[in-house]
């Protein structure tokens, strides 16, 4: 079915983010069905210190080309108020699975997966929002 990657949120390793990748194509995704280097490098940097997590506290974040969602999930764990992770429609089932698997309803962060295709008109849902950060890893 896929390969599960684990990323610890603390030095004790007792709480982890689990990301399912689609190494054999069973989810029907695109190149976003694999983990890429920038998100795996950014994850520990974002959560490493309180000072870094504060950079994202209460932010509304739009992630472009979220793929498996690791970067956006890291931002949600760092304290973002809202994180909208976008990718091609084919990628959304696996992206939504990873968001749901790591969702902490107590955090107060709203995390959602939305379709966003580059080169097409900006959807109303994206244009009507205020974004503090627009980010992308491995674009």
Protein backbone atom coordinates (compact mmCIF):
# COMPACT_ATOMS: atom_id res chain seq x y z
CA UNK A 1 0.00 0.00 0.00
CA UNK A 2 2.72 2.49 0.88
CA UNK A 3 5.60 3.37 3.13
CA UNK A 4 5.05 5.18 6.45
CA UNK A 5 7.69 7.75 7.43
CA UNK A 6 7.91 8.93 11.05
CA UNK A 7 9.13 12.34 12.18
CA UNK A 8 9.52 12.98 15.94
CA UNK A 9 8.04 16.15 17.40
CA UNK A 10 10.21 16.04 20.49
CA UNK A 11 13.59 14.72 21.60
CA UNK A 12 11.85 11.93 23.49
CA UNK A 13 10.29 10.73 20.24
CA UNK A 14 7.04 9.87 22.01
CA UNK A 15 4.92 11.98 19.65
CA UNK A 16 5.50 11.65 15.94
CA UNK A 17 4.06 12.81 12.65
CA UNK A 18 3.39 9.84 10.39
CA UNK A 19 3.38 10.40 6.64
CA UNK A 20 2.23 7.75 4.18
CA UNK A 21 3.98 7.83 0.82
CA UNK A 22 2.75 6.00 -2.26
CA UNK A 23 5.79 4.13 -3.52
CA UNK A 24 3.80 1.78 -5.77
CA UNK A 25 1.14 4.15 -7.14
CA UNK A 26 -1.87 2.56 -5.44
CA UNK A 27 -3.31 5.97 -4.44
CA UNK A 28 -3.11 7.26 -8.00
CA UNK A 29 -1.14 10.38 -7.09
CA UNK A 30 1.52 12.26 -8.98
CA UNK A 31 5.16 13.07 -8.26
CA UNK A 32 3.80 14.48 -4.98
CA UNK A 33 3.26 10.93 -3.73
CA UNK A 34 6.87 10.71 -2.51
CA UNK A 35 8.74 12.58 0.18
CA UNK A 36 11.16 15.17 -1.16
CA UNK A 37 14.26 16.62 0.48
CA UNK A 38 13.14 20.16 1.34
CA UNK A 39 10.15 19.15 3.46
CA UNK A 40 12.12 16.51 5.36
CA UNK A 41 14.84 19.10 6.07
CA UNK A 42 12.37 21.86 6.99
CA UNK A 43 10.38 19.72 9.44
CA UNK A 44 13.02 19.42 12.18
CA UNK A 45 14.10 23.04 11.67
CA UNK A 46 10.55 24.35 12.16
CA UNK A 47 9.83 22.41 15.33
CA UNK A 48 13.34 22.55 16.88
CA UNK A 49 12.85 25.54 19.19
CA UNK A 50 10.07 27.62 20.66
CA UNK A 51 11.60 30.67 18.99
CA UNK A 52 11.18 29.07 15.55
CA UNK A 53 7.67 27.81 16.28
CA UNK A 54 6.69 31.36 17.27
CA UNK A 55 7.46 32.50 13.72
CA UNK A 56 4.36 30.61 12.57
CA UNK A 57 2.09 31.11 15.58
CA UNK A 58 -1.44 32.17 14.64
CA UNK A 59 -0.55 32.48 10.94
CA UNK A 60 -2.85 31.66 8.06
CA UNK A 61 -0.69 29.55 5.73
CA UNK A 62 -1.24 28.56 2.11
CA UNK A 63 1.10 25.80 0.93
CA UNK A 64 1.59 25.32 -2.79
CA UNK A 65 2.41 21.86 -4.09
CA UNK A 66 1.99 20.21 -0.70
CA UNK A 67 2.47 16.66 -1.97
CA UNK A 68 2.24 14.41 1.08
CA UNK A 69 1.71 17.38 3.40
CA UNK A 70 4.74 17.13 5.69
CA UNK A 71 5.73 20.82 5.44
CA UNK A 72 2.19 22.11 6.04
CA UNK A 73 1.60 19.63 8.86
CA UNK A 74 4.83 20.85 10.49
CA UNK A 75 3.53 24.43 10.30
CA UNK A 76 0.26 23.34 11.91
CA UNK A 77 2.19 21.64 14.72
CA UNK A 78 4.27 24.82 15.14
CA UNK A 79 1.15 26.83 15.95
CA UNK A 80 -0.34 28.11 12.71
CA UNK A 81 -4.00 29.04 13.10
CA UNK A 82 -4.99 27.79 9.67
CA UNK A 83 -3.10 25.75 7.08
CA UNK A 84 -4.46 25.10 3.61
CA UNK A 85 -2.36 22.52 1.78
CA UNK A 86 -2.82 22.49 -1.99
CA UNK A 87 -1.91 20.18 -4.82
CA UNK A 88 -3.33 18.64 -7.98
CA UNK A 89 -6.72 16.92 -7.65
CA UNK A 90 -5.15 13.45 -8.12
CA UNK A 91 -2.93 14.06 -5.09
CA UNK A 92 -5.72 15.07 -2.69
CA UNK A 93 -6.80 11.63 -1.37
CA UNK A 94 -3.31 10.82 -0.06
CA UNK A 95 -2.77 14.39 1.15
CA UNK A 96 -6.08 14.29 3.03
CA UNK A 97 -5.17 10.91 4.53
CA UNK A 98 -1.92 12.33 5.92
CA UNK A 99 -3.65 15.42 7.28
CA UNK A 100 -6.35 13.32 8.97
CA UNK A 101 -3.79 10.89 10.41
CA UNK A 102 -1.92 13.73 12.11
CA UNK A 103 -4.75 16.06 13.04
CA UNK A 104 -4.78 17.28 16.63
CA UNK A 105 -8.19 18.86 17.19
CA UNK A 106 -6.97 20.32 20.51
CA UNK A 107 -4.35 22.46 18.76
CA UNK A 108 -6.91 24.90 17.39
CA UNK A 109 -5.32 24.78 13.93
CA UNK A 110 -7.61 24.15 10.99
CA UNK A 111 -5.86 22.07 8.33
CA UNK A 112 -7.42 21.29 4.98
CA UNK A 113 -6.45 19.95 1.57
CA UNK A 114 -7.61 21.85 -1.53
CA UNK A 115 -7.06 21.48 -5.25
CA UNK A 116 -4.97 24.19 -6.83
CA UNK A 117 -3.57 23.83 -10.34
CA UNK A 118 -0.86 26.22 -11.39
CA UNK A 119 -1.53 28.09 -14.61
CA UNK A 120 -5.29 28.22 -14.05
CA UNK A 121 -7.29 31.13 -12.62
CA UNK A 122 -7.02 31.46 -8.85
CA UNK A 123 -10.05 29.80 -7.22
CA UNK A 124 -12.42 32.08 -5.28
CA UNK A 125 -11.69 30.26 -2.02
CA UNK A 126 -7.98 31.21 -2.30
CA UNK A 127 -8.47 34.75 -3.57
CA UNK A 128 -10.97 35.63 -0.86
CA UNK A 129 -8.71 34.66 2.05
CA UNK A 130 -6.03 36.61 3.87
CA UNK A 131 -2.75 34.69 3.95
CA UNK A 132 0.09 35.55 6.32
CA UNK A 133 2.43 33.09 4.60
CA UNK A 134 2.42 31.45 1.18
CA UNK A 135 4.98 28.67 1.22
CA UNK A 136 6.24 25.84 -0.93
CA UNK A 137 8.81 23.11 -0.43
CA UNK A 138 10.33 21.19 -3.32
CA UNK A 139 8.57 23.23 -5.99
